[in-house]
Each structure stands twice: as C-alpha cells, then as structure tokens.
C-alpha cells in the first residue's frame, strides 16, 4: 500500500528497489540511471555480497543455502549468520554515507518483508533524505524462467523468496516487471518521483 510524505526537492534522493532475485532490479536501475536528469549511483546488494571471501559464499557465519522441497517444488532457503548481518548493515550505512555527501542513489536490495531488520535500519538512516521505496513485482513463472535463463542463480531461490520479499511491505510505488520493460518501469519511477 503506497504512502506519501512531502520531502524538500533539494535533498539527495534515494530510490530503494526491493524485489525477488532475478526480477530485473539491476536492469531497471541501469535504465533509470540513463533516464535521470542528474547522476544516480547504483548500489547493488550483490556487490557487497561479492566482497566476502570465496569460502564464506555458502557459510553459516555469512549466508548459507539449503535445498528443500515444499509442496513438491524445489526451493533454496537462505539462512543468515552474524557476518552476513554485518555486511548488510554495513551496506545500509554506506548508502547513508553516500547520501550524506549529497549523492543521489538507486539501491537494489532484497528485503525479506516488513519484519526484515533492514527496513528499520533504512528508515532510521535515510529519514533525513528523500527516500522512496519501490516494490518490483513479477509472477512466479516469470521469476523462475529468468532464474533459469541467467545461469548464475541457485534454482529454487526465487520460489523461496517469492512469498517473503513483499510480505507486509509498504511502498511509495509498485512496478510490475513481467509486463513492462526496464525502460518502461524506469519511466514510471522517474515520473512518480520527479527524477
């Protein structure tokens, strides 16, 4: 459900794209960067996860991935550990530090619903700025097709995330990636937030 809050036009703008992996957040962010009249940095959660040493890419201290079967379908469940929590909190603080320098940002993240601690952290850190949340949606069929096509994702991850990522979330704007191109979605976002 969208919510509105008036923000002064001269503040740095932060656009948070939240959606299931493989929904197309990175393609959307790049399209939005091209459309915006001012420069926007693209901050990717995946870039922060890639900073972890290789031995921590599937480790209980950072993030571990378990194959499970639910209702006859394969899923990949993610569990986070203390190092993973530190990395994600560090990312959010880095976003706030960039905003404090007056930079406009497009942040692509995967928050696990309204109970994800990242929501409160973003709210607390970014409240002084023009901070807008965008929910990026697609059907499960589309997500699973994209997951297979990418070849760099664990098959079943999108299915596990699907019912969790948007649960209880309040967005300033919802966009639908399975029925629109990244450019069309970027145009919606630009128009909505005056970018």
Protein backbone atom coordinates (compact mmCIF):
# COMPACT_ATOMS: atom_id res chain seq x y z
CA UNK A 1 0.00 0.00 0.00
CA UNK A 2 1.60 3.33 -1.03
CA UNK A 3 2.26 6.04 1.49
CA UNK A 4 3.06 9.68 0.82
CA UNK A 5 5.37 12.08 2.60
CA UNK A 6 6.40 15.51 1.34
CA UNK A 7 10.16 15.98 1.12
CA UNK A 8 12.13 19.10 0.17
CA UNK A 9 13.21 18.94 -3.50
CA UNK A 10 16.89 19.75 -2.85
CA UNK A 11 17.62 16.71 -0.68
CA UNK A 12 19.54 13.76 -2.16
CA UNK A 13 17.07 11.21 -3.49
CA UNK A 14 17.39 7.53 -2.68
CA UNK A 15 15.29 5.05 -4.65
CA UNK A 16 15.20 1.62 -2.98
CA UNK A 17 14.26 -1.17 -5.37
CA UNK A 18 13.08 -4.22 -3.44
CA UNK A 19 12.21 -7.47 -5.16
CA UNK A 20 12.90 -11.15 -5.53
CA UNK A 21 16.23 -12.12 -7.09
CA UNK A 22 16.02 -12.29 -10.92
CA UNK A 23 13.09 -9.81 -11.05
CA UNK A 24 15.26 -7.37 -13.01
CA UNK A 25 16.26 -4.77 -10.42
CA UNK A 26 19.73 -4.26 -11.91
CA UNK A 27 18.39 -3.78 -15.45
CA UNK A 28 15.78 -1.38 -14.08
CA UNK A 29 18.43 0.57 -12.14
CA UNK A 30 20.61 0.95 -15.25
CA UNK A 31 17.62 2.13 -17.32
CA UNK A 32 16.73 4.61 -14.59
CA UNK A 33 20.29 5.93 -14.45
CA UNK A 34 20.10 6.62 -18.19
CA UNK A 35 16.79 8.50 -17.87
CA UNK A 36 17.53 10.67 -14.85
CA UNK A 37 18.50 14.29 -15.45
CA UNK A 38 21.02 14.13 -12.58
CA UNK A 39 23.58 11.41 -11.85
CA UNK A 40 22.43 8.50 -9.69
CA UNK A 41 24.83 5.91 -8.29
CA UNK A 42 23.67 2.29 -8.46
CA UNK A 43 24.30 0.45 -5.17
CA UNK A 44 23.83 -3.31 -5.51
CA UNK A 45 23.43 -5.73 -2.64
CA UNK A 46 25.18 -8.36 -4.79
CA UNK A 47 28.31 -6.17 -4.94
CA UNK A 48 28.53 -6.23 -1.16
CA UNK A 49 27.95 -9.98 -1.00
CA UNK A 50 30.70 -10.44 -3.61
CA UNK A 51 33.12 -8.72 -1.22
CA UNK A 52 33.02 -11.75 1.05
CA UNK A 53 35.91 -14.22 0.67
CA UNK A 54 35.00 -17.20 -1.51
CA UNK A 55 34.98 -19.57 1.47
CA UNK A 56 32.12 -17.52 3.02
CA UNK A 57 29.86 -17.63 -0.05
CA UNK A 58 27.93 -20.58 1.46
CA UNK A 59 28.85 -20.48 5.14
CA UNK A 60 26.77 -20.38 8.30
CA UNK A 61 28.63 -17.26 9.53
CA UNK A 62 27.59 -15.32 6.40
CA UNK A 63 24.82 -16.81 4.27
CA UNK A 64 24.06 -20.49 3.81
CA UNK A 65 21.81 -22.06 1.20
CA UNK A 66 19.81 -25.24 1.79
CA UNK A 67 17.87 -27.16 -0.82
CA UNK A 68 14.41 -28.06 0.46
CA UNK A 69 11.22 -29.42 -1.06
CA UNK A 70 7.95 -27.63 -0.30
CA UNK A 71 4.68 -28.86 -1.79
CA UNK A 72 6.59 -30.94 -4.33
CA UNK A 73 8.68 -27.98 -5.55
CA UNK A 74 12.40 -27.44 -5.05
CA UNK A 75 13.33 -24.30 -3.14
CA UNK A 76 16.59 -22.83 -1.87
CA UNK A 77 16.29 -21.47 1.67
CA UNK A 78 18.68 -18.73 2.80
CA UNK A 79 19.94 -18.52 6.38
CA UNK A 80 21.95 -15.54 7.54
CA UNK A 81 24.68 -15.51 10.16
CA UNK A 82 26.41 -12.73 12.12
CA UNK A 83 28.92 -11.91 9.36
CA UNK A 84 26.10 -11.68 6.82
CA UNK A 85 24.20 -9.34 9.14
CA UNK A 86 27.31 -7.15 9.46
CA UNK A 87 27.77 -6.98 5.69
CA UNK A 88 24.15 -5.95 5.06
CA UNK A 89 24.18 -3.40 7.89
CA UNK A 90 27.47 -2.05 6.51
CA UNK A 91 25.84 -1.70 3.10
CA UNK A 92 22.99 0.34 4.57
CA UNK A 93 25.42 2.57 6.42
CA UNK A 94 27.43 3.00 3.21
CA UNK A 95 24.22 4.09 1.45
CA UNK A 96 23.64 6.67 4.20
CA UNK A 97 27.26 7.87 3.95
CA UNK A 98 26.89 8.38 0.18
CA UNK A 99 23.64 10.27 0.71
CA UNK A 100 25.38 12.44 3.33
CA UNK A 101 27.77 13.51 0.55
CA UNK A 102 24.79 14.80 -1.42
CA UNK A 103 24.72 11.90 -3.89
CA UNK A 104 21.54 10.53 -5.43
CA UNK A 105 21.25 6.74 -5.25
CA UNK A 106 19.39 3.78 -6.67
CA UNK A 107 19.71 0.90 -4.21
CA UNK A 108 18.88 -2.62 -5.28
CA UNK A 109 18.21 -4.91 -2.32
CA UNK A 110 16.27 -7.99 -1.28
CA UNK A 111 14.46 -7.27 2.00
CA UNK A 112 12.52 -10.22 3.40
CA UNK A 113 9.24 -8.49 4.15
CA UNK A 114 8.26 -5.90 6.73
CA UNK A 115 9.90 -7.85 9.58
CA UNK A 116 13.35 -7.65 7.96
CA UNK A 117 15.55 -5.55 10.30
CA UNK A 118 16.88 -3.75 7.23
CA UNK A 119 13.59 -1.85 6.93
CA UNK A 120 14.01 -0.15 10.31
CA UNK A 121 17.69 0.48 9.62
CA UNK A 122 16.98 2.11 6.26
CA UNK A 123 14.19 4.19 7.83
CA UNK A 124 16.44 5.40 10.66
CA UNK A 125 19.47 6.09 8.45
CA UNK A 126 17.68 7.64 5.48
CA UNK A 127 14.86 9.60 7.12
CA UNK A 128 16.73 12.92 6.64
CA UNK A 129 16.76 12.38 2.86
CA UNK A 130 14.19 11.98 0.08
CA UNK A 131 13.89 8.20 0.48
CA UNK A 132 11.44 6.29 -1.69
CA UNK A 133 10.64 2.57 -1.61
CA UNK A 134 9.72 0.83 -4.88
CA UNK A 135 8.37 -2.71 -4.89
CA UNK A 136 9.45 -4.57 -8.04
CA UNK A 137 6.97 -7.39 -8.71
CA UNK A 138 6.73 -10.26 -11.20
CA UNK A 139 4.84 -13.54 -11.37
CA UNK A 140 6.50 -16.67 -10.04
CA UNK A 141 6.53 -18.14 -13.58
CA UNK A 142 8.45 -15.11 -14.88
CA UNK A 143 10.89 -15.17 -11.97
CA UNK A 144 11.64 -18.87 -12.38
CA UNK A 145 12.10 -18.50 -16.13
CA UNK A 146 14.56 -15.63 -15.61
CA UNK A 147 16.34 -17.58 -12.88
CA UNK A 148 16.91 -20.49 -15.31
CA UNK A 149 18.00 -18.17 -18.15
CA UNK A 150 20.54 -16.31 -16.04
CA UNK A 151 22.53 -19.42 -15.24
CA UNK A 152 24.22 -17.76 -12.24
CA UNK A 153 21.41 -18.30 -9.70
CA UNK A 154 20.51 -21.23 -7.49
CA UNK A 155 17.36 -22.73 -8.97
CA UNK A 156 14.61 -22.54 -6.37
CA UNK A 157 15.80 -19.32 -4.76
CA UNK A 158 13.12 -17.20 -6.46
CA UNK A 159 10.38 -19.62 -5.34
CA UNK A 160 11.60 -19.44 -1.72
CA UNK A 161 11.80 -15.63 -1.78
CA UNK A 162 8.52 -15.13 -3.66
CA UNK A 163 6.13 -15.23 -0.69
CA UNK A 164 8.52 -13.43 1.64
CA UNK A 165 10.03 -10.36 -0.05
CA UNK A 166 6.90 -8.20 -0.31
CA UNK A 167 5.07 -9.57 2.75
CA UNK A 168 3.69 -6.65 4.76
CA UNK A 169 5.79 -4.09 2.86
CA UNK A 170 4.57 -0.53 2.26
CA UNK A 171 5.90 1.05 -0.94
CA UNK A 172 5.75 4.50 -2.46
CA UNK A 173 5.31 2.79 -5.84
CA UNK A 174 4.70 -0.74 -7.14
CA UNK A 175 6.04 -1.67 -10.58
CA UNK A 176 5.45 -4.90 -12.48
CA UNK A 177 8.47 -6.32 -14.27
CA UNK A 178 6.84 -9.21 -16.09
CA UNK A 179 4.51 -6.98 -18.10
CA UNK A 180 6.84 -3.99 -18.68
CA UNK A 181 10.37 -3.44 -19.96
CA UNK A 182 13.07 -1.99 -17.67
CA UNK A 183 12.79 1.26 -19.63
CA UNK A 184 9.01 1.45 -19.13
CA UNK A 185 9.45 0.81 -15.40
CA UNK A 186 12.20 3.43 -15.19
CA UNK A 187 9.88 5.95 -16.87
CA UNK A 188 7.19 5.21 -14.25
CA UNK A 189 9.69 5.79 -11.42
CA UNK A 190 11.11 8.95 -12.98
CA UNK A 191 7.65 10.43 -13.40
CA UNK A 192 6.45 9.46 -9.93
CA UNK A 193 9.42 10.95 -8.05
CA UNK A 194 10.40 13.81 -10.38
CA UNK A 195 13.82 12.44 -11.25
